[in-house]
């Protein structure tokens, strides 16, 4: 009887607008840390590691079809970046009612 194998997808973004993906076949019962070792990816400079968008410890057991993700630390607080972007655009050109039909009332 051959040992059962599972397939996982490893995803990371080393820089802005860059994505690296690698599909691995691992023995059943492998952990998140073992998957990173098998891929040759270090966790230096990585803020968090997770499965399907949720933080997970390195000793978490993987299942077939799991998506392992490495998260970089944020450089700017998302709320602050949104406020600054909104300030540059102005209140009338941003948001839900930015594109109105000609001649329509404000808010429609």
PDB file of N, CA and C in Angstrom:
ATOM      1  N   UNK A   1       0.840  -1.176   0.000  1.00  0.00           N
ATOM      2  CA  UNK A   1       0.000   0.000   0.000  1.00  0.00           C
ATOM      3  C   UNK A   1       0.889   1.245   0.000  1.00  0.00           C
ATOM      4  N   UNK A   2       0.641   2.168  -0.915  1.00  0.00           N
ATOM      5  CA  UNK A   2       1.454   3.380  -1.011  1.00  0.00           C
ATOM      6  C   UNK A   2       0.956   4.423  -0.012  1.00  0.00           C
ATOM      7  N   UNK A   3       1.880   5.210   0.534  1.00  0.00           N
ATOM      8  CA  UNK A   3       1.456   6.248   1.476  1.00  0.00           C
ATOM      9  C   UNK A   3       0.599   7.301   0.770  1.00  0.00           C
ATOM     10  N   UNK A   4      -0.423   7.769   1.488  1.00  0.00           N
ATOM     11  CA  UNK A   4      -1.329   8.768   0.917  1.00  0.00           C
ATOM     12  C   UNK A   4      -0.608  10.116   0.815  1.00  0.00           C
ATOM     13  N   UNK A   5      -0.820  10.780  -0.316  1.00  0.00           N
ATOM     14  CA  UNK A   5      -0.198  12.087  -0.551  1.00  0.00           C
ATOM     15  C   UNK A   5      -1.287  13.149  -0.596  1.00  0.00           C
ATOM     16  N   UNK A   6      -0.915  14.373  -0.265  1.00  0.00           N
ATOM     17  CA  UNK A   6      -1.846  15.489  -0.381  1.00  0.00           C
ATOM     18  C   UNK A   6      -1.185  16.594  -1.186  1.00  0.00           C
ATOM     19  N   UNK A   7      -2.005  17.387  -1.845  1.00  0.00           N
ATOM     20  CA  UNK A   7      -1.532  18.483  -2.674  1.00  0.00           C
ATOM     21  C   UNK A   7      -1.929  19.794  -2.001  1.00  0.00           C
ATOM     22  N   UNK A   8      -0.945  20.689  -1.828  1.00  0.00           N
ATOM     23  CA  UNK A   8      -1.217  22.002  -1.251  1.00  0.00           C
ATOM     24  C   UNK A   8      -0.639  23.073  -2.168  1.00  0.00           C
ATOM     25  N   UNK A   9      -1.212  24.249  -2.098  1.00  0.00           N
ATOM     26  CA  UNK A   9      -0.746  25.390  -2.883  1.00  0.00           C
ATOM     27  C   UNK A   9      -0.127  26.387  -1.929  1.00  0.00           C
ATOM     28  N   UNK A  10       1.121  26.790  -2.182  1.00  0.00           N
ATOM     29  CA  UNK A  10       1.797  27.798  -1.386  1.00  0.00           C
ATOM     30  C   UNK A  10       1.797  29.104  -2.164  1.00  0.00           C
ATOM     31  N   UNK A  11       1.438  30.200  -1.501  1.00  0.00           N
ATOM     32  CA  UNK A  11       1.337  31.498  -2.159  1.00  0.00           C
ATOM     33  C   UNK A  11       2.035  32.541  -1.297  1.00  0.00           C
ATOM     34  N   UNK A  12       2.809  33.410  -1.944  1.00  0.00           N
ATOM     35  CA  UNK A  12       3.415  34.542  -1.245  1.00  0.00           C
ATOM     36  C   UNK A  12       3.559  35.710  -2.198  1.00  0.00           C
ATOM     37  N   UNK A  13       3.672  36.898  -1.631  1.00  0.00           N
ATOM     38  CA  UNK A  13       3.874  38.114  -2.416  1.00  0.00           C
ATOM     39  C   UNK A  13       5.168  38.755  -1.929  1.00  0.00           C
ATOM     40  N   UNK A  14       6.279  38.513  -2.626  1.00  0.00           N
ATOM     41  CA  UNK A  14       7.556  39.049  -2.173  1.00  0.00           C
ATOM     42  C   UNK A  14       7.642  40.576  -2.261  1.00  0.00           C
ATOM     43  N   UNK A  15       6.860  41.175  -3.132  1.00  0.00           N
ATOM     44  CA  UNK A  15       6.854  42.628  -3.287  1.00  0.00           C
ATOM     45  C   UNK A  15       5.517  43.088  -3.811  1.00  0.00           C
ATOM     46  N   UNK A  16       5.347  44.400  -3.928  1.00  0.00           N
ATOM     47  CA  UNK A  16       4.083  44.916  -4.461  1.00  0.00           C
ATOM     48  C   UNK A  16       3.814  44.397  -5.870  1.00  0.00           C
ATOM     49  N   UNK A  17       2.603  43.955  -6.107  1.00  0.00           N
ATOM     50  CA  UNK A  17       2.144  43.449  -7.408  1.00  0.00           C
ATOM     51  C   UNK A  17       2.960  42.258  -7.917  1.00  0.00           C
ATOM     52  N   UNK A  18       3.516  41.480  -7.000  1.00  0.00           N
ATOM     53  CA  UNK A  18       4.246  40.261  -7.354  1.00  0.00           C
ATOM     54  C   UNK A  18       3.631  39.101  -6.573  1.00  0.00           C
ATOM     55  N   UNK A  19       3.366  38.008  -7.259  1.00  0.00           N
ATOM     56  CA  UNK A  19       2.804  36.832  -6.593  1.00  0.00           C
ATOM     57  C   UNK A  19       3.569  35.601  -7.050  1.00  0.00           C
ATOM     58  N   UNK A  20       3.968  34.789  -6.092  1.00  0.00           N
ATOM     59  CA  UNK A  20       4.612  33.512  -6.392  1.00  0.00           C
ATOM     60  C   UNK A  20       3.723  32.394  -5.868  1.00  0.00           C
ATOM     61  N   UNK A  21       3.507  31.386  -6.692  1.00  0.00           N
ATOM     62  CA  UNK A  21       2.707  30.227  -6.294  1.00  0.00           C
ATOM     63  C   UNK A  21       3.505  28.965  -6.571  1.00  0.00           C
ATOM     64  N   UNK A  22       3.348  28.011  -5.691  1.00  0.00           N
ATOM     65  CA  UNK A  22       4.004  26.722  -5.894  1.00  0.00           C
ATOM     66  C   UNK A  22       3.078  25.626  -5.387  1.00  0.00           C
ATOM     67  N   UNK A  23       2.871  24.620  -6.205  1.00  0.00           N
ATOM     68  CA  UNK A  23       2.050  23.483  -5.806  1.00  0.00           C
ATOM     69  C   UNK A  23       2.983  22.375  -5.338  1.00  0.00           C
ATOM     70  N   UNK A  24       2.674  21.804  -4.174  1.00  0.00           N
ATOM     71  CA  UNK A  24       3.509  20.751  -3.600  1.00  0.00           C
ATOM     72  C   UNK A  24       2.693  19.499  -3.326  1.00  0.00           C
ATOM     73  N   UNK A  25       3.356  18.359  -3.469  1.00  0.00           N
ATOM     74  CA  UNK A  25       2.765  17.083  -3.051  1.00  0.00           C
ATOM     75  C   UNK A  25       3.547  16.641  -1.825  1.00  0.00           C
ATOM     76  N   UNK A  26       2.829  16.451  -0.740  1.00  0.00           N
ATOM     77  CA  UNK A  26       3.438  16.097   0.540  1.00  0.00           C
ATOM     78  C   UNK A  26       2.774  14.847   1.101  1.00  0.00           C
ATOM     79  N   UNK A  27       3.478  14.133   1.979  1.00  0.00           N
ATOM     80  CA  UNK A  27       2.844  12.978   2.624  1.00  0.00           C
ATOM     81  C   UNK A  27       1.714  13.441   3.550  1.00  0.00           C
ATOM     82  N   UNK A  28       0.702  12.617   3.703  1.00  0.00           N
ATOM     83  CA  UNK A  28      -0.415  12.937   4.601  1.00  0.00           C
ATOM     84  C   UNK A  28       0.117  13.150   6.012  1.00  0.00           C
ATOM     85  N   UNK A  29      -0.442  14.110   6.721  1.00  0.00           N
ATOM     86  CA  UNK A  29      -0.016  14.414   8.079  1.00  0.00           C
ATOM     87  C   UNK A  29       1.063  15.477   8.144  1.00  0.00           C
ATOM     88  N   UNK A  30       1.456  16.050   7.001  1.00  0.00           N
ATOM     89  CA  UNK A  30       2.473  17.107   6.994  1.00  0.00           C
ATOM     90  C   UNK A  30       1.925  18.376   7.639  1.00  0.00           C
ATOM     91  N   UNK A  31       2.831  19.167   8.188  1.00  0.00           N
ATOM     92  CA  UNK A  31       2.433  20.412   8.844  1.00  0.00           C
ATOM     93  C   UNK A  31       2.747  21.605   7.952  1.00  0.00           C
ATOM     94  N   UNK A  32       2.229  22.744   8.364  1.00  0.00           N
ATOM     95  CA  UNK A  32       2.460  23.977   7.626  1.00  0.00           C
ATOM     96  C   UNK A  32       3.962  24.285   7.556  1.00  0.00           C
ATOM     97  N   UNK A  33       4.667  24.113   8.649  1.00  0.00           N
ATOM     98  CA  UNK A  33       6.112  24.354   8.681  1.00  0.00           C
ATOM     99  C   UNK A  33       6.870  23.421   7.753  1.00  0.00           C
ATOM    100  N   UNK A  34       6.457  22.161   7.684  1.00  0.00           N
ATOM    101  CA  UNK A  34       7.109  21.196   6.794  1.00  0.00           C
ATOM    102  C   UNK A  34       6.873  21.564   5.331  1.00  0.00           C
ATOM    103  N   UNK A  35       5.701  22.110   5.028  1.00  0.00           N
ATOM    104  CA  UNK A  35       5.415  22.525   3.652  1.00  0.00           C
ATOM    105  C   UNK A  35       6.327  23.678   3.249  1.00  0.00           C
ATOM    106  N   UNK A  36       6.548  24.621   4.158  1.00  0.00           N
ATOM    107  CA  UNK A  36       7.446  25.740   3.855  1.00  0.00           C
ATOM    108  C   UNK A  36       8.878  25.262   3.667  1.00  0.00           C
ATOM    109  N   UNK A  37       9.287  24.293   4.489  1.00  0.00           N
ATOM    110  CA  UNK A  37      10.625  23.710   4.347  1.00  0.00           C
ATOM    111  C   UNK A  37      10.775  23.010   3.009  1.00  0.00           C
ATOM    112  N   UNK A  38       9.773  22.234   2.614  1.00  0.00           N
ATOM    113  CA  UNK A  38       9.818  21.489   1.357  1.00  0.00           C
ATOM    114  C   UNK A  38       9.879  22.434   0.164  1.00  0.00           C
ATOM    115  N   UNK A  39       9.230  23.600   0.277  1.00  0.00           N
ATOM    116  CA  UNK A  39       9.245  24.575  -0.814  1.00  0.00           C
ATOM    117  C   UNK A  39      10.552  25.362  -0.832  1.00  0.00           C
ATOM    118  N   UNK A  40      11.294  25.331   0.282  1.00  0.00           N
ATOM    119  CA  UNK A  40      12.534  26.110   0.368  1.00  0.00           C
ATOM    120  C   UNK A  40      12.278  27.582   0.656  1.00  0.00           C
ATOM    121  N   UNK A  41      11.110  27.896   1.184  1.00  0.00           N
ATOM    122  CA  UNK A  41      10.766  29.287   1.500  1.00  0.00           C
ATOM    123  C   UNK A  41      11.052  29.544   2.970  1.00  0.00           C
ATOM    124  N   UNK A  42      11.767  30.620   3.243  1.00  0.00           N
ATOM    125  CA  UNK A  42      12.047  30.973   4.630  1.00  0.00           C
ATOM    126  C   UNK A  42      10.951  31.900   5.129  1.00  0.00           C
ATOM    127  N   UNK A  43      10.814  31.970   6.443  1.00  0.00           N
ATOM    128  CA  UNK A  43       9.793  32.851   7.000  1.00  0.00           C
ATOM    129  C   UNK A  43      10.408  34.154   7.495  1.00  0.00           C
ATOM    130  N   UNK A  44      11.636  34.448   7.061  1.00  0.00           N
ATOM    131  CA  UNK A  44      12.251  35.736   7.386  1.00  0.00           C
ATOM    132  C   UNK A  44      11.527  36.848   6.637  1.00  0.00           C
ATOM    133  N   UNK A  45      11.239  37.930   7.323  1.00  0.00           N
ATOM    134  CA  UNK A  45      10.545  39.045   6.705  1.00  0.00           C
ATOM    135  C   UNK A  45       9.062  38.808   6.512  1.00  0.00           C
ATOM    136  N   UNK A  46       8.572  37.701   7.048  1.00  0.00           N
ATOM    137  CA  UNK A  46       7.153  37.364   6.933  1.00  0.00           C
ATOM    138  C   UNK A  46       6.473  37.750   8.234  1.00  0.00           C
ATOM    139  N   UNK A  47       5.357  38.429   8.136  1.00  0.00           N
ATOM    140  CA  UNK A  47       4.625  38.869   9.318  1.00  0.00           C
ATOM    141  C   UNK A  47       3.823  37.720   9.912  1.00  0.00           C
ATOM    142  N   UNK A  48       3.069  37.029   9.092  1.00  0.00           N
ATOM    143  CA  UNK A  48       2.199  35.937   9.531  1.00  0.00           C
ATOM    144  C   UNK A  48       2.176  34.840   8.480  1.00  0.00           C
ATOM    145  N   UNK A  49       1.758  33.663   8.900  1.00  0.00           N
ATOM    146  CA  UNK A  49       1.541  32.533   8.001  1.00  0.00           C
ATOM    147  C   UNK A  49       0.109  32.074   8.242  1.00  0.00           C
ATOM    148  N   UNK A  50      -0.579  31.681   7.172  1.00  0.00           N
ATOM    149  CA  UNK A  50      -1.965  31.274   7.356  1.00  0.00           C
ATOM    150  C   UNK A  50      -2.448  30.292   6.320  1.00  0.00           C
ATOM    151  N   UNK A  51      -3.666  29.829   6.535  1.00  0.00           N
ATOM    152  CA  UNK A  51      -4.364  28.930   5.615  1.00  0.00           C
ATOM    153  C   UNK A  51      -5.652  29.611   5.193  1.00  0.00           C
ATOM    154  N   UNK A  52      -5.841  29.761   3.911  1.00  0.00           N
ATOM    155  CA  UNK A  52      -7.065  30.339   3.363  1.00  0.00           C
ATOM    156  C   UNK A  52      -7.426  31.675   4.016  1.00  0.00           C
ATOM    157  N   UNK A  53      -6.441  32.560   4.225  1.00  0.00           N
ATOM    158  CA  UNK A  53      -6.718  33.901   4.739  1.00  0.00           C
ATOM    159  C   UNK A  53      -6.859  33.995   6.239  1.00  0.00           C
ATOM    160  N   UNK A  54      -6.596  32.926   6.966  1.00  0.00           N
ATOM    161  CA  UNK A  54      -6.680  32.948   8.429  1.00  0.00           C
ATOM    162  C   UNK A  54      -5.338  32.529   9.013  1.00  0.00           C
ATOM    163  N   UNK A  55      -4.887  33.247  10.037  1.00  0.00           N
ATOM    164  CA  UNK A  55      -3.619  32.918  10.681  1.00  0.00           C
ATOM    165  C   UNK A  55      -3.623  31.485  11.191  1.00  0.00           C
ATOM    166  N   UNK A  56      -2.461  30.841  11.069  1.00  0.00           N
ATOM    167  CA  UNK A  56      -2.337  29.463  11.540  1.00  0.00           C
ATOM    168  C   UNK A  56      -0.920  29.242  12.060  1.00  0.00           C
ATOM    169  N   UNK A  57      -0.756  28.399  13.087  1.00  0.00           N
ATOM    170  CA  UNK A  57       0.586  28.095  13.604  1.00  0.00           C
ATOM    171  C   UNK A  57       1.331  27.155  12.653  1.00  0.00           C
ATOM    172  N   UNK A  58       2.652  27.136  12.779  1.00  0.00           N
ATOM    173  CA  UNK A  58       3.475  26.304  11.891  1.00  0.00           C
ATOM    174  C   UNK A  58       3.273  24.809  12.140  1.00  0.00           C
ATOM    175  N   UNK A  59       2.737  24.430  13.303  1.00  0.00           N
ATOM    176  CA  UNK A  59       2.531  23.005  13.576  1.00  0.00           C
ATOM    177  C   UNK A  59       1.141  22.523  13.166  1.00  0.00           C
ATOM    178  N   UNK A  60       0.399  23.328  12.461  1.00  0.00           N
ATOM    179  CA  UNK A  60      -0.959  22.974  11.996  1.00  0.00           C
ATOM    180  C   UNK A  60      -0.865  21.896  10.913  1.00  0.00           C
ATOM    181  N   UNK A  61      -1.641  20.842  11.045  1.00  0.00           N
ATOM    182  CA  UNK A  61      -1.661  19.752  10.071  1.00  0.00           C
ATOM    183  C   UNK A  61      -2.428  20.194   8.826  1.00  0.00           C
ATOM    184  N   UNK A  62      -1.881  19.893   7.668  1.00  0.00           N
ATOM    185  CA  UNK A  62      -2.493  20.288   6.400  1.00  0.00           C
ATOM    186  C   UNK A  62      -3.438  19.212   5.879  1.00  0.00           C
ATOM    187  N   UNK A  63      -4.398  19.664   5.072  1.00  0.00           N
ATOM    188  CA  UNK A  63      -5.331  18.763   4.409  1.00  0.00           C
ATOM    189  C   UNK A  63      -5.178  18.930   2.903  1.00  0.00           C
ATOM    190  N   UNK A  64      -5.636  17.961   2.159  1.00  0.00           N
ATOM    191  CA  UNK A  64      -5.536  18.020   0.704  1.00  0.00           C
ATOM    192  C   UNK A  64      -6.287  19.251   0.172  1.00  0.00           C
ATOM    193  N   UNK A  65      -5.626  20.017  -0.698  1.00  0.00           N
ATOM    194  CA  UNK A  65      -6.240  21.191  -1.308  1.00  0.00           C
ATOM    195  C   UNK A  65      -6.077  22.472  -0.515  1.00  0.00           C
ATOM    196  N   UNK A  66      -5.349  22.447   0.607  1.00  0.00           N
ATOM    197  CA  UNK A  66      -5.148  23.659   1.406  1.00  0.00           C
ATOM    198  C   UNK A  66      -4.332  24.690   0.644  1.00  0.00           C
ATOM    199  N   UNK A  67      -4.580  25.955   0.954  1.00  0.00           N
ATOM    200  CA  UNK A  67      -3.826  27.070   0.378  1.00  0.00           C
ATOM    201  C   UNK A  67      -3.048  27.710   1.522  1.00  0.00           C
ATOM    202  N   UNK A  68      -1.727  27.575   1.495  1.00  0.00           N
ATOM    203  CA  UNK A  68      -0.843  28.135   2.512  1.00  0.00           C
ATOM    204  C   UNK A  68      -0.397  29.509   2.032  1.00  0.00           C
ATOM    205  N   UNK A  69      -0.543  30.533   2.888  1.00  0.00           N
ATOM    206  CA  UNK A  69      -0.228  31.904   2.492  1.00  0.00           C
ATOM    207  C   UNK A  69       0.775  32.515   3.466  1.00  0.00           C
ATOM    208  N   UNK A  70       1.726  33.263   2.926  1.00  0.00           N
ATOM    209  CA  UNK A  70       2.684  34.018   3.726  1.00  0.00           C
ATOM    210  C   UNK A  70       2.344  35.488   3.591  1.00  0.00           C
ATOM    211  N   UNK A  71       2.206  36.176   4.714  1.00  0.00           N
ATOM    212  CA  UNK A  71       1.793  37.572   4.708  1.00  0.00           C
ATOM    213  C   UNK A  71       2.950  38.481   5.082  1.00  0.00           C
ATOM    214  N   UNK A  72       3.172  39.511   4.268  1.00  0.00           N
ATOM    215  CA  UNK A  72       4.181  40.528   4.569  1.00  0.00           C
ATOM    216  C   UNK A  72       3.613  41.516   5.580  1.00  0.00           C
ATOM    217  N   UNK A  73       4.481  42.179   6.349  1.00  0.00           N
ATOM    218  CA  UNK A  73       3.969  43.218   7.251  1.00  0.00           C
ATOM    219  C   UNK A  73       3.463  44.411   6.440  1.00  0.00           C
ATOM    220  N   UNK A  74       2.433  45.075   6.944  1.00  0.00           N
ATOM    221  CA  UNK A  74       1.897  46.259   6.272  1.00  0.00           C
ATOM    222  C   UNK A  74       2.850  47.426   6.464  1.00  0.00           C
ATOM    223  N   UNK A  75       3.060  48.194   5.416  1.00  0.00           N
ATOM    224  CA  UNK A  75       3.911  49.384   5.510  1.00  0.00           C
ATOM    225  C   UNK A  75       3.129  50.590   5.987  1.00  0.00           C
ATOM    226  N   UNK A  76       1.864  50.642   5.621  1.00  0.00           N
ATOM    227  CA  UNK A  76       1.007  51.765   5.985  1.00  0.00           C
ATOM    228  C   UNK A  76      -0.297  51.202   6.534  1.00  0.00           C
ATOM    229  N   UNK A  77      -0.816  51.847   7.563  1.00  0.00           N
ATOM    230  CA  UNK A  77      -2.107  51.452   8.108  1.00  0.00           C
ATOM    231  C   UNK A  77      -3.173  51.664   7.039  1.00  0.00           C
ATOM    232  N   UNK A  78      -3.988  50.649   6.709  1.00  0.00           N
ATOM    233  CA  UNK A  78      -4.985  50.781   5.640  1.00  0.00           C
ATOM    234  C   UNK A  78      -5.965  51.936   5.860  1.00  0.00           C
ATOM    235  N   UNK A  79      -6.347  52.187   7.107  1.00  0.00           N
ATOM    236  CA  UNK A  79      -7.276  53.292   7.379  1.00  0.00           C
ATOM    237  C   UNK A  79      -6.621  54.639   7.044  1.00  0.00           C
ATOM    238  N   UNK A  80      -5.378  54.761   7.416  1.00  0.00           N
ATOM    239  CA  UNK A  80      -4.655  56.009   7.146  1.00  0.00           C
ATOM    240  C   UNK A  80      -4.481  56.215   5.643  1.00  0.00           C
ATOM    241  N   UNK A  81      -4.141  55.154   4.925  1.00  0.00           N
ATOM    242  CA  UNK A  81      -3.962  55.255   3.473  1.00  0.00           C
ATOM    243  C   UNK A  81      -5.275  55.671   2.808  1.00  0.00           C
ATOM    244  N   UNK A  82      -6.399  55.114   3.280  1.00  0.00           N
ATOM    245  CA  UNK A  82      -7.701  55.473   2.711  1.00  0.00           C
ATOM    246  C   UNK A  82      -8.018  56.937   2.976  1.00  0.00           C
ATOM    247  N   UNK A  83      -7.750  57.418   4.196  1.00  0.00           N
ATOM    248  CA  UNK A  83      -8.003  58.836   4.509  1.00  0.00           C
ATOM    249  C   UNK A  83      -7.178  59.759   3.618  1.00  0.00           C
ATOM    250  N   UNK A  84      -5.916  59.414   3.423  1.00  0.00           N
ATOM    251  CA  UNK A  84      -5.048  60.240   2.577  1.00  0.00           C
ATOM    252  C   UNK A  84      -5.519  60.227   1.126  1.00  0.00           C
ATOM    253  N   UNK A  85      -5.915  59.062   0.630  1.00  0.00           N
ATOM    254  CA  UNK A  85      -6.408  58.953  -0.738  1.00  0.00           C
ATOM    255  C   UNK A  85      -7.694  59.757  -0.906  1.00  0.00           C
ATOM    256  N   UNK A  86      -8.573  59.680   0.071  1.00  0.00           N
ATOM    257  CA  UNK A  86      -9.826  60.426   0.042  1.00  0.00           C
ATOM    258  C   UNK A  86      -9.551  61.928   0.072  1.00  0.00           C
ATOM    259  N   UNK A  87      -8.564  62.334   0.855  1.00  0.00           N
ATOM    260  CA  UNK A  87      -8.200  63.748   0.924  1.00  0.00           C
ATOM    261  C   UNK A  87      -7.679  64.283  -0.401  1.00  0.00           C
ATOM    262  N   UNK A  88      -6.924  63.471  -1.114  1.00  0.00           N
ATOM    263  CA  UNK A  88      -6.400  63.890  -2.428  1.00  0.00           C
ATOM    264  C   UNK A  88      -7.510  63.949  -3.468  1.00  0.00           C
ATOM    265  N   UNK A  89      -8.440  63.006  -3.430  1.00  0.00           N
ATOM    266  CA  UNK A  89      -9.502  62.943  -4.430  1.00  0.00           C
ATOM    267  C   UNK A  89     -10.578  63.984  -4.178  1.00  0.00           C
ATOM    268  N   UNK A  90     -10.850  64.259  -2.922  1.00  0.00           N
ATOM    269  CA  UNK A  90     -11.924  65.184  -2.587  1.00  0.00           C
ATOM    270  C   UNK A  90     -13.221  64.435  -2.382  1.00  0.00           C
ATOM    271  N   UNK A  91     -14.124  65.018  -1.644  1.00  0.00           N
ATOM    272  CA  UNK A  91     -15.373  64.364  -1.276  1.00  0.00           C
ATOM    273  C   UNK A  91     -16.292  64.151  -2.467  1.00  0.00           C
ATOM    274  N   UNK A  92     -16.258  65.020  -3.456  1.00  0.00           N
ATOM    275  CA  UNK A  92     -17.210  64.921  -4.569  1.00  0.00           C
ATOM    276  C   UNK A  92     -16.791  63.904  -5.635  1.00  0.00           C
ATOM    277  N   UNK A  93     -15.523  63.522  -5.662  1.00  0.00           N
ATOM    278  CA  UNK A  93     -15.073  62.594  -6.700  1.00  0.00           C
ATOM    279  C   UNK A  93     -14.829  61.189  -6.174  1.00  0.00           C
ATOM    280  N   UNK A  94     -15.126  60.956  -4.902  1.00  0.00           N
ATOM    281  CA  UNK A  94     -14.883  59.634  -4.334  1.00  0.00           C
ATOM    282  C   UNK A  94     -16.162  59.102  -3.709  1.00  0.00           C
ATOM    283  N   UNK A  95     -16.231  57.818  -3.579  1.00  0.00           N
ATOM    284  CA  UNK A  95     -17.333  57.207  -2.857  1.00  0.00           C
ATOM    285  C   UNK A  95     -18.449  56.717  -3.749  1.00  0.00           C
ATOM    286  N   UNK A  96     -19.549  56.380  -3.092  1.00  0.00           N
ATOM    287  CA  UNK A  96     -20.681  55.734  -3.741  1.00  0.00           C
ATOM    288  C   UNK A  96     -21.354  56.607  -4.794  1.00  0.00           C
ATOM    289  N   UNK A  97     -21.444  57.924  -4.550  1.00  0.00           N
ATOM    290  CA  UNK A  97     -22.192  58.802  -5.444  1.00  0.00           C
ATOM    291  C   UNK A  97     -21.286  59.649  -6.338  1.00  0.00           C
ATOM    292  N   UNK A  98     -20.085  59.186  -6.591  1.00  0.00           N
ATOM    293  CA  UNK A  98     -19.136  59.966  -7.390  1.00  0.00           C
ATOM    294  C   UNK A  98     -19.610  60.111  -8.833  1.00  0.00           C
ATOM    295  N   UNK A  99     -20.194  59.052  -9.408  1.00  0.00           N
ATOM    296  CA  UNK A  99     -20.637  59.111 -10.808  1.00  0.00           C
ATOM    297  C   UNK A  99     -22.163  59.205 -10.855  1.00  0.00           C
ATOM    298  N   UNK A 100     -22.666  60.427 -10.979  1.00  0.00           N
ATOM    299  CA  UNK A 100     -24.112  60.630 -11.052  1.00  0.00           C
ATOM    300  C   UNK A 100     -24.530  60.800 -12.495  1.00  0.00           C
ATOM    301  N   UNK A 101     -25.779  60.537 -12.738  1.00  0.00           N
ATOM    302  CA  UNK A 101     -26.331  60.809 -14.068  1.00  0.00           C
ATOM    303  C   UNK A 101     -26.453  62.316 -14.242  1.00  0.00           C
ATOM    304  N   UNK A 102     -26.217  62.831 -15.439  1.00  0.00           N
ATOM    305  CA  UNK A 102     -26.338  64.269 -15.659  1.00  0.00           C
ATOM    306  C   UNK A 102     -27.738  64.768 -15.329  1.00  0.00           C
ATOM    307  N   UNK A 103     -27.811  65.857 -14.559  1.00  0.00           N
ATOM    308  CA  UNK A 103     -29.090  66.463 -14.206  1.00  0.00           C
ATOM    309  C   UNK A 103     -29.779  65.806 -13.028  1.00  0.00           C
ATOM    310  N   UNK A 104     -29.182  64.776 -12.413  1.00  0.00           N
ATOM    311  CA  UNK A 104     -29.830  64.111 -11.291  1.00  0.00           C
ATOM    312  C   UNK A 104     -29.587  64.883  -9.990  1.00  0.00           C
ATOM    313  N   UNK A 105     -30.407  64.610  -9.002  1.00  0.00           N
ATOM    314  CA  UNK A 105     -30.257  65.258  -7.701  1.00  0.00           C
ATOM    315  C   UNK A 105     -29.047  64.648  -6.984  1.00  0.00           C
ATOM    316  N   UNK A 106     -28.435  65.395  -6.080  1.00  0.00           N
ATOM    317  CA  UNK A 106     -27.309  64.840  -5.302  1.00  0.00           C
ATOM    318  C   UNK A 106     -27.779  63.615  -4.528  1.00  0.00           C
ATOM    319  N   UNK A 107     -26.967  62.564  -4.541  1.00  0.00           N
ATOM    320  CA  UNK A 107     -27.290  61.336  -3.811  1.00  0.00           C
ATOM    321  C   UNK A 107     -28.045  60.316  -4.639  1.00  0.00           C
ATOM    322  N   UNK A 108     -28.309  60.618  -5.929  1.00  0.00           N
ATOM    323  CA  UNK A 108     -29.036  59.666  -6.774  1.00  0.00           C
ATOM    324  C   UNK A 108     -28.245  59.306  -7.991  1.00  0.00           C
TER     325      UNK A 108
END
